[in-house]
All heavy atoms as atom14 arrays in JSON, in Angstrom:
{
  "sequence": "KLFRSSDGGKNWNVVLQNQDQEAFFDGMAFHPDGKQGAMFG",
  "atom14_mask": [
    [1, 1, 1, 1, 1, 1, 1, 1, 1, 0, 0, 0, 0, 0],
    [1, 1, 1, 1, 1, 1, 1, 1, 0, 0, 0, 0, 0, 0],
    [1, 1, 1, 1, 1, 1, 1, 1, 1, 1, 1, 0, 0, 0],
    [1, 1, 1, 1, 1, 1, 1, 1, 1, 1, 1, 0, 0, 0],
    [1, 1, 1, 1, 1, 1, 0, 0, 0, 0, 0, 0, 0, 0],
    [1, 1, 1, 1, 1, 1, 0, 0, 0, 0, 0, 0, 0, 0],
    [1, 1, 1, 1, 1, 1, 1, 1, 0, 0, 0, 0, 0, 0],
    [1, 1, 1, 1, 0, 0, 0, 0, 0, 0, 0, 0, 0, 0],
    [1, 1, 1, 1, 0, 0, 0, 0, 0, 0, 0, 0, 0, 0],
    [1, 1, 1, 1, 1, 1, 1, 1, 1, 0, 0, 0, 0, 0],
    [1, 1, 1, 1, 1, 1, 1, 1, 0, 0, 0, 0, 0, 0],
    [1, 1, 1, 1, 1, 1, 1, 1, 1, 1, 1, 1, 1, 1],
    [1, 1, 1, 1, 1, 1, 1, 1, 0, 0, 0, 0, 0, 0],
    [1, 1, 1, 1, 1, 1, 1, 0, 0, 0, 0, 0, 0, 0],
    [1, 1, 1, 1, 1, 1, 1, 0, 0, 0, 0, 0, 0, 0],
    [1, 1, 1, 1, 1, 1, 1, 1, 0, 0, 0, 0, 0, 0],
    [1, 1, 1, 1, 1, 1, 1, 1, 1, 0, 0, 0, 0, 0],
    [1, 1, 1, 1, 1, 1, 1, 1, 0, 0, 0, 0, 0, 0],
    [1, 1, 1, 1, 1, 1, 1, 1, 1, 0, 0, 0, 0, 0],
    [1, 1, 1, 1, 1, 1, 1, 1, 0, 0, 0, 0, 0, 0],
    [1, 1, 1, 1, 1, 1, 1, 1, 1, 0, 0, 0, 0, 0],
    [1, 1, 1, 1, 1, 1, 1, 1, 1, 0, 0, 0, 0, 0],
    [1, 1, 1, 1, 1, 0, 0, 0, 0, 0, 0, 0, 0, 0],
    [1, 1, 1, 1, 1, 1, 1, 1, 1, 1, 1, 0, 0, 0],
    [1, 1, 1, 1, 1, 1, 1, 1, 1, 1, 1, 0, 0, 0],
    [1, 1, 1, 1, 1, 1, 1, 1, 0, 0, 0, 0, 0, 0],
    [1, 1, 1, 1, 0, 0, 0, 0, 0, 0, 0, 0, 0, 0],
    [1, 1, 1, 1, 1, 1, 1, 1, 0, 0, 0, 0, 0, 0],
    [1, 1, 1, 1, 1, 0, 0, 0, 0, 0, 0, 0, 0, 0],
    [1, 1, 1, 1, 1, 1, 1, 1, 1, 1, 1, 0, 0, 0],
    [1, 1, 1, 1, 1, 1, 1, 1, 1, 1, 0, 0, 0, 0],
    [1, 1, 1, 1, 1, 1, 1, 0, 0, 0, 0, 0, 0, 0],
    [1, 1, 1, 1, 1, 1, 1, 1, 0, 0, 0, 0, 0, 0],
    [1, 1, 1, 1, 0, 0, 0, 0, 0, 0, 0, 0, 0, 0],
    [1, 1, 1, 1, 1, 1, 1, 1, 1, 0, 0, 0, 0, 0],
    [1, 1, 1, 1, 1, 1, 1, 1, 1, 0, 0, 0, 0, 0],
    [1, 1, 1, 1, 0, 0, 0, 0, 0, 0, 0, 0, 0, 0],
    [1, 1, 1, 1, 1, 0, 0, 0, 0, 0, 0, 0, 0, 0],
    [1, 1, 1, 1, 1, 1, 1, 1, 0, 0, 0, 0, 0, 0],
    [1, 1, 1, 1, 1, 1, 1, 1, 1, 1, 1, 0, 0, 0],
    [1, 1, 1, 1, 0, 0, 0, 0, 0, 0, 0, 0, 0, 0]
  ],
  "atom14_positions": [
    [[52.79, -9.66, -26.91], [52.05, -10.77, -27.61], [52.54, -10.87, -29.1], [53.05, -9.87, -29.67], [50.64, -10.59, -27.49], [49.99, -9.32, -28.14], [48.54, -9.26, -27.88], [48.11, -8.92, -26.62], [46.54, -8.67, -26.41], [0.0, 0.0, 0.0], [0.0, 0.0, 0.0], [0.0, 0.0, 0.0], [0.0, 0.0, 0.0], [0.0, 0.0, 0.0]],
    [[52.27, -11.89, -29.72], [52.42, -12.17, -31.17], [51.13, -12.36, -31.79], [50.34, -13.22, -31.42], [53.42, -13.32, -31.37], [54.86, -13.16, -30.9], [55.61, -14.44, -31.3], [55.53, -11.94, -31.58], [0.0, 0.0, 0.0], [0.0, 0.0, 0.0], [0.0, 0.0, 0.0], [0.0, 0.0, 0.0], [0.0, 0.0, 0.0], [0.0, 0.0, 0.0]],
    [[50.89, -11.62, -33.0], [49.68, -11.81, -33.79], [50.25, -12.5, -35.07], [51.34, -12.23, -35.47], [49.16, -10.59, -34.15], [48.44, -9.81, -33.0], [49.19, -9.11, -32.19], [47.09, -9.75, -32.87], [48.6, -8.34, -31.08], [46.45, -9.04, -31.76], [47.25, -8.38, -30.99], [0.0, 0.0, 0.0], [0.0, 0.0, 0.0], [0.0, 0.0, 0.0]],
    [[49.39, -13.27, -35.76], [49.75, -13.86, -37.01], [48.52, -13.81, -37.93], [47.4, -13.95, -37.6], [50.02, -15.33, -36.82], [50.6, -16.05, -38.12], [50.93, -17.47, -37.82], [51.71, -17.95, -38.93], [51.18, -18.67, -40.02], [49.9, -18.72, -40.06], [51.93, -19.15, -40.9], [0.0, 0.0, 0.0], [0.0, 0.0, 0.0], [0.0, 0.0, 0.0]],
    [[48.9, -13.35, -39.22], [47.81, -13.41, -40.3], [48.27, -14.29, -41.45], [49.45, -14.24, -41.84], [47.57, -11.97, -40.8], [46.61, -11.95, -41.9], [0.0, 0.0, 0.0], [0.0, 0.0, 0.0], [0.0, 0.0, 0.0], [0.0, 0.0, 0.0], [0.0, 0.0, 0.0], [0.0, 0.0, 0.0], [0.0, 0.0, 0.0], [0.0, 0.0, 0.0]],
    [[47.42, -14.97, -41.99], [47.72, -15.93, -43.18], [46.89, -15.48, -44.38], [47.03, -16.17, -45.4], [47.43, -17.38, -42.84], [46.01, -17.6, -42.58], [0.0, 0.0, 0.0], [0.0, 0.0, 0.0], [0.0, 0.0, 0.0], [0.0, 0.0, 0.0], [0.0, 0.0, 0.0], [0.0, 0.0, 0.0], [0.0, 0.0, 0.0], [0.0, 0.0, 0.0]],
    [[46.19, -14.38, -44.34], [45.45, -13.84, -45.43], [45.74, -12.41, -45.71], [44.88, -11.62, -46.02], [44.02, -14.02, -45.18], [43.46, -13.35, -43.83], [44.28, -12.61, -43.27], [42.27, -13.61, -43.55], [0.0, 0.0, 0.0], [0.0, 0.0, 0.0], [0.0, 0.0, 0.0], [0.0, 0.0, 0.0], [0.0, 0.0, 0.0], [0.0, 0.0, 0.0]],
    [[46.94, -11.93, -45.65], [47.28, -10.57, -46.03], [46.92, -9.43, -45.06], [46.67, -8.42, -45.51], [0.0, 0.0, 0.0], [0.0, 0.0, 0.0], [0.0, 0.0, 0.0], [0.0, 0.0, 0.0], [0.0, 0.0, 0.0], [0.0, 0.0, 0.0], [0.0, 0.0, 0.0], [0.0, 0.0, 0.0], [0.0, 0.0, 0.0], [0.0, 0.0, 0.0]],
    [[46.63, -9.86, -43.81], [46.27, -8.86, -42.83], [44.73, -8.58, -42.61], [44.31, -7.82, -41.86], [0.0, 0.0, 0.0], [0.0, 0.0, 0.0], [0.0, 0.0, 0.0], [0.0, 0.0, 0.0], [0.0, 0.0, 0.0], [0.0, 0.0, 0.0], [0.0, 0.0, 0.0], [0.0, 0.0, 0.0], [0.0, 0.0, 0.0], [0.0, 0.0, 0.0]],
    [[44.01, -9.42, -43.27], [42.49, -9.31, -43.21], [42.02, -9.83, -41.8], [41.21, -9.27, -41.24], [41.81, -10.06, -44.32], [41.96, -9.47, -45.66], [41.2, -10.24, -46.72], [41.5, -9.67, -48.1], [42.88, -9.88, -48.6], [0.0, 0.0, 0.0], [0.0, 0.0, 0.0], [0.0, 0.0, 0.0], [0.0, 0.0, 0.0], [0.0, 0.0, 0.0]],
    [[42.62, -10.9, -41.41], [42.32, -11.6, -40.13], [43.64, -11.81, -39.27], [44.68, -12.29, -39.9], [41.57, -12.8, -40.26], [40.17, -12.63, -40.99], [39.21, -12.11, -40.31], [40.07, -12.86, -42.3], [0.0, 0.0, 0.0], [0.0, 0.0, 0.0], [0.0, 0.0, 0.0], [0.0, 0.0, 0.0], [0.0, 0.0, 0.0], [0.0, 0.0, 0.0]],
    [[43.52, -11.7, -38.0], [44.65, -11.96, -37.16], [44.34, -12.84, -35.98], [43.23, -12.8, -35.4], [45.2, -10.61, -36.53], [45.55, -9.67, -37.57], [44.84, -8.74, -38.24], [46.97, -9.49, -38.06], [45.68, -8.02, -39.19], [46.93, -8.47, -39.05], [48.21, -10.04, -37.8], [48.09, -8.08, -39.67], [49.32, -9.65, -38.34], [49.25, -8.69, -39.39]],
    [[45.23, -13.72, -35.67], [45.15, -14.59, -34.51], [46.3, -14.26, -33.57], [47.43, -14.14, -33.96], [45.1, -16.1, -34.92], [44.0, -16.5, -35.69], [42.82, -16.18, -35.41], [44.31, -17.29, -36.83], [0.0, 0.0, 0.0], [0.0, 0.0, 0.0], [0.0, 0.0, 0.0], [0.0, 0.0, 0.0], [0.0, 0.0, 0.0], [0.0, 0.0, 0.0]],
    [[45.97, -14.23, -32.21], [47.08, -14.18, -31.26], [47.5, -15.54, -31.0], [46.98, -16.45, -30.5], [46.49, -13.62, -29.95], [47.63, -13.66, -28.92], [45.94, -12.26, -30.08], [0.0, 0.0, 0.0], [0.0, 0.0, 0.0], [0.0, 0.0, 0.0], [0.0, 0.0, 0.0], [0.0, 0.0, 0.0], [0.0, 0.0, 0.0], [0.0, 0.0, 0.0]],
    [[48.85, -15.76, -31.5], [49.52, -17.09, -31.32], [50.36, -17.13, -30.1], [50.87, -18.36, -29.79], [50.32, -17.33, -32.62], [49.41, -17.46, -33.8], [51.3, -16.27, -32.99], [0.0, 0.0, 0.0], [0.0, 0.0, 0.0], [0.0, 0.0, 0.0], [0.0, 0.0, 0.0], [0.0, 0.0, 0.0], [0.0, 0.0, 0.0], [0.0, 0.0, 0.0]],
    [[50.64, -16.03, -29.47], [51.49, -16.12, -28.23], [51.17, -14.99, -27.4], [51.2, -13.85, -27.92], [52.98, -16.28, -28.56], [53.95, -16.22, -27.3], [53.65, -17.5, -26.46], [55.35, -16.14, -27.82], [0.0, 0.0, 0.0], [0.0, 0.0, 0.0], [0.0, 0.0, 0.0], [0.0, 0.0, 0.0], [0.0, 0.0, 0.0], [0.0, 0.0, 0.0]],
    [[50.95, -15.07, -26.11], [50.7, -13.93, -25.27], [51.39, -14.14, -23.98], [51.21, -15.26, -23.26], [49.2, -13.74, -24.95], [48.88, -12.57, -24.21], [47.4, -12.03, -24.18], [46.61, -12.75, -24.78], [47.14, -10.79, -23.72], [0.0, 0.0, 0.0], [0.0, 0.0, 0.0], [0.0, 0.0, 0.0], [0.0, 0.0, 0.0], [0.0, 0.0, 0.0]],
    [[52.09, -13.19, -23.56], [52.89, -13.3, -22.32], [52.01, -13.28, -21.06], [51.0, -12.51, -20.98], [53.78, -12.12, -22.16], [54.61, -11.98, -20.93], [55.07, -13.01, -20.43], [54.7, -10.84, -20.43], [0.0, 0.0, 0.0], [0.0, 0.0, 0.0], [0.0, 0.0, 0.0], [0.0, 0.0, 0.0], [0.0, 0.0, 0.0], [0.0, 0.0, 0.0]],
    [[52.28, -14.11, -20.17], [51.59, -14.26, -18.92], [52.35, -13.89, -17.67], [51.96, -14.01, -16.49], [50.97, -15.72, -18.78], [50.06, -16.07, -19.86], [48.88, -15.15, -20.02], [48.26, -14.73, -18.97], [48.3, -15.05, -21.28], [0.0, 0.0, 0.0], [0.0, 0.0, 0.0], [0.0, 0.0, 0.0], [0.0, 0.0, 0.0], [0.0, 0.0, 0.0]],
    [[53.6, -13.48, -17.84], [54.51, -13.29, -16.77], [54.86, -11.86, -16.8], [55.33, -11.21, -17.7], [55.94, -14.12, -17.03], [56.74, -14.16, -15.76], [56.97, -13.14, -15.13], [57.29, -15.23, -15.53], [0.0, 0.0, 0.0], [0.0, 0.0, 0.0], [0.0, 0.0, 0.0], [0.0, 0.0, 0.0], [0.0, 0.0, 0.0], [0.0, 0.0, 0.0]],
    [[54.6, -11.19, -15.49], [54.89, -9.76, -15.44], [56.34, -9.34, -15.51], [56.7, -8.21, -15.82], [54.33, -9.3, -14.02], [52.78, -9.24, -14.0], [52.23, -8.16, -15.06], [52.71, -7.06, -15.1], [51.23, -8.64, -15.85], [0.0, 0.0, 0.0], [0.0, 0.0, 0.0], [0.0, 0.0, 0.0], [0.0, 0.0, 0.0], [0.0, 0.0, 0.0]],
    [[57.27, -10.28, -15.31], [58.64, -9.96, -15.59], [59.05, -10.04, -17.06], [60.05, -9.51, -17.4], [59.48, -10.97, -14.75], [59.53, -10.86, -13.28], [60.58, -11.71, -12.65], [61.67, -11.88, -13.24], [60.23, -12.29, -11.52], [0.0, 0.0, 0.0], [0.0, 0.0, 0.0], [0.0, 0.0, 0.0], [0.0, 0.0, 0.0], [0.0, 0.0, 0.0]],
    [[58.26, -10.62, -17.85], [58.68, -10.74, -19.25], [58.25, -9.63, -20.0], [57.39, -8.75, -19.67], [57.94, -12.01, -19.87], [0.0, 0.0, 0.0], [0.0, 0.0, 0.0], [0.0, 0.0, 0.0], [0.0, 0.0, 0.0], [0.0, 0.0, 0.0], [0.0, 0.0, 0.0], [0.0, 0.0, 0.0], [0.0, 0.0, 0.0], [0.0, 0.0, 0.0]],
    [[59.08, -9.41, -21.17], [58.9, -8.13, -22.03], [59.53, -8.56, -23.37], [60.74, -8.7, -23.41], [59.62, -7.03, -21.27], [59.37, -5.67, -22.02], [58.63, -4.72, -21.36], [59.92, -5.39, -23.28], [58.32, -3.42, -21.82], [59.64, -4.12, -23.85], [58.98, -3.09, -23.07], [0.0, 0.0, 0.0], [0.0, 0.0, 0.0], [0.0, 0.0, 0.0]],
    [[58.77, -8.73, -24.42], [59.2, -9.15, -25.68], [60.16, -8.05, -26.3], [59.88, -6.82, -26.13], [58.06, -9.5, -26.56], [57.24, -10.69, -26.23], [56.15, -11.08, -26.88], [57.64, -11.49, -25.14], [55.31, -12.13, -26.53], [56.94, -12.58, -24.76], [55.77, -12.88, -25.59], [0.0, 0.0, 0.0], [0.0, 0.0, 0.0], [0.0, 0.0, 0.0]],
    [[61.15, -8.52, -27.05], [62.05, -7.66, -27.64], [62.28, -7.65, -29.21], [62.49, -6.61, -29.83], [63.48, -7.75, -27.0], [63.55, -7.25, -25.64], [63.02, -6.18, -25.32], [64.21, -7.96, -24.69], [0.0, 0.0, 0.0], [0.0, 0.0, 0.0], [0.0, 0.0, 0.0], [0.0, 0.0, 0.0], [0.0, 0.0, 0.0], [0.0, 0.0, 0.0]],
    [[62.15, -8.83, -29.73], [62.23, -8.9, -31.1], [62.15, -10.4, -31.59], [62.32, -11.26, -30.79], [0.0, 0.0, 0.0], [0.0, 0.0, 0.0], [0.0, 0.0, 0.0], [0.0, 0.0, 0.0], [0.0, 0.0, 0.0], [0.0, 0.0, 0.0], [0.0, 0.0, 0.0], [0.0, 0.0, 0.0], [0.0, 0.0, 0.0], [0.0, 0.0, 0.0]],
    [[61.92, -10.51, -32.88], [61.88, -11.93, -33.47], [62.65, -11.95, -34.8], [62.84, -10.94, -35.43], [60.46, -12.26, -33.73], [59.63, -11.45, -34.55], [57.85, -11.87, -34.67], [57.21, -10.43, -35.57], [0.0, 0.0, 0.0], [0.0, 0.0, 0.0], [0.0, 0.0, 0.0], [0.0, 0.0, 0.0], [0.0, 0.0, 0.0], [0.0, 0.0, 0.0]],
    [[62.91, -13.1, -35.21], [63.61, -13.4, -36.48], [63.31, -14.76, -37.05], [62.97, -15.7, -36.19], [65.1, -13.22, -36.28], [0.0, 0.0, 0.0], [0.0, 0.0, 0.0], [0.0, 0.0, 0.0], [0.0, 0.0, 0.0], [0.0, 0.0, 0.0], [0.0, 0.0, 0.0], [0.0, 0.0, 0.0], [0.0, 0.0, 0.0], [0.0, 0.0, 0.0]],
    [[63.35, -14.99, -38.32], [63.07, -16.26, -38.88], [64.26, -16.69, -39.74], [64.91, -15.9, -40.38], [61.8, -16.17, -39.75], [60.57, -16.29, -39.0], [60.08, -15.16, -38.3], [59.94, -17.46, -38.77], [58.94, -15.16, -37.54], [58.8, -17.53, -38.04], [58.28, -16.37, -37.46], [0.0, 0.0, 0.0], [0.0, 0.0, 0.0], [0.0, 0.0, 0.0]],
    [[64.43, -17.95, -39.75], [65.46, -18.63, -40.62], [64.91, -18.32, -42.08], [63.8, -18.18, -42.37], [65.49, -20.19, -40.29], [66.48, -20.89, -41.15], [66.35, -21.27, -42.42], [67.79, -21.33, -40.78], [67.43, -22.04, -42.79], [68.34, -21.98, -41.8], [0.0, 0.0, 0.0], [0.0, 0.0, 0.0], [0.0, 0.0, 0.0], [0.0, 0.0, 0.0]],
    [[65.98, -18.32, -43.01], [65.53, -18.1, -44.48], [64.44, -19.12, -44.94], [63.82, -18.91, -45.95], [66.8, -18.36, -45.22], [67.91, -17.87, -44.25], [67.46, -18.35, -42.88], [0.0, 0.0, 0.0], [0.0, 0.0, 0.0], [0.0, 0.0, 0.0], [0.0, 0.0, 0.0], [0.0, 0.0, 0.0], [0.0, 0.0, 0.0], [0.0, 0.0, 0.0]],
    [[64.38, -20.32, -44.3], [63.27, -21.38, -44.8], [61.8, -20.85, -44.52], [61.0, -21.42, -44.97], [63.5, -22.63, -44.23], [63.45, -22.83, -42.77], [62.92, -21.81, -42.06], [63.88, -23.77, -42.1], [0.0, 0.0, 0.0], [0.0, 0.0, 0.0], [0.0, 0.0, 0.0], [0.0, 0.0, 0.0], [0.0, 0.0, 0.0], [0.0, 0.0, 0.0]],
    [[61.81, -19.73, -43.59], [60.41, -19.31, -43.21], [59.63, -20.15, -42.28], [58.51, -19.78, -41.95], [0.0, 0.0, 0.0], [0.0, 0.0, 0.0], [0.0, 0.0, 0.0], [0.0, 0.0, 0.0], [0.0, 0.0, 0.0], [0.0, 0.0, 0.0], [0.0, 0.0, 0.0], [0.0, 0.0, 0.0], [0.0, 0.0, 0.0], [0.0, 0.0, 0.0]],
    [[60.23, -21.26, -41.85], [59.47, -22.1, -40.89], [60.09, -22.0, -39.46], [59.36, -21.87, -38.52], [59.56, -23.59, -41.38], [58.92, -23.85, -42.76], [57.39, -23.58, -42.62], [56.69, -24.0, -43.86], [55.18, -23.65, -43.78], [0.0, 0.0, 0.0], [0.0, 0.0, 0.0], [0.0, 0.0, 0.0], [0.0, 0.0, 0.0], [0.0, 0.0, 0.0]],
    [[61.4, -22.12, -39.46], [62.04, -21.93, -38.08], [62.05, -20.39, -37.69], [62.49, -19.6, -38.5], [63.47, -22.44, -38.07], [63.5, -23.97, -38.6], [64.87, -24.4, -38.69], [65.58, -24.67, -37.67], [65.46, -24.42, -39.9], [0.0, 0.0, 0.0], [0.0, 0.0, 0.0], [0.0, 0.0, 0.0], [0.0, 0.0, 0.0], [0.0, 0.0, 0.0]],
    [[61.75, -20.19, -36.53], [61.75, -18.76, -36.03], [62.05, -18.74, -34.54], [61.95, -19.69, -33.82], [0.0, 0.0, 0.0], [0.0, 0.0, 0.0], [0.0, 0.0, 0.0], [0.0, 0.0, 0.0], [0.0, 0.0, 0.0], [0.0, 0.0, 0.0], [0.0, 0.0, 0.0], [0.0, 0.0, 0.0], [0.0, 0.0, 0.0], [0.0, 0.0, 0.0]],
    [[62.45, -17.49, -34.16], [62.76, -17.26, -32.7], [62.31, -15.87, -32.25], [62.26, -14.95, -33.04], [64.24, -17.41, -32.43], [0.0, 0.0, 0.0], [0.0, 0.0, 0.0], [0.0, 0.0, 0.0], [0.0, 0.0, 0.0], [0.0, 0.0, 0.0], [0.0, 0.0, 0.0], [0.0, 0.0, 0.0], [0.0, 0.0, 0.0], [0.0, 0.0, 0.0]],
    [[61.79, -15.87, -31.03], [61.43, -14.57, -30.39], [62.13, -14.47, -28.98], [62.21, -15.54, -28.37], [59.96, -14.42, -30.3], [59.46, -13.06, -29.88], [59.51, -12.67, -28.2], [58.79, -14.06, -27.38], [0.0, 0.0, 0.0], [0.0, 0.0, 0.0], [0.0, 0.0, 0.0], [0.0, 0.0, 0.0], [0.0, 0.0, 0.0], [0.0, 0.0, 0.0]],
    [[62.67, -13.34, -28.66], [63.39, -13.19, -27.33], [62.91, -12.01, -26.66], [62.22, -11.12, -27.2], [64.89, -13.12, -27.59], [65.46, -11.78, -27.77], [66.09, -11.16, -26.7], [65.22, -11.1, -29.01], [66.69, -9.82, -26.97], [65.73, -9.93, -29.18], [66.47, -9.14, -28.14], [0.0, 0.0, 0.0], [0.0, 0.0, 0.0], [0.0, 0.0, 0.0]],
    [[63.04, -12.03, -25.31], [62.5, -11.1, -24.41], [63.48, -10.96, -23.3], [64.43, -11.63, -23.06], [0.0, 0.0, 0.0], [0.0, 0.0, 0.0], [0.0, 0.0, 0.0], [0.0, 0.0, 0.0], [0.0, 0.0, 0.0], [0.0, 0.0, 0.0], [0.0, 0.0, 0.0], [0.0, 0.0, 0.0], [0.0, 0.0, 0.0], [0.0, 0.0, 0.0]]
  ]
}
């Protein structure tokens, strides 16, 4: 799953959670603009 915090780690929201037993997250990266991002598994 992916968690996200917009207040320095005080609060966290789950923004993505895997529902497929075959899936397994491996890593994520963001474009230098900080808006575009990718996660692969």
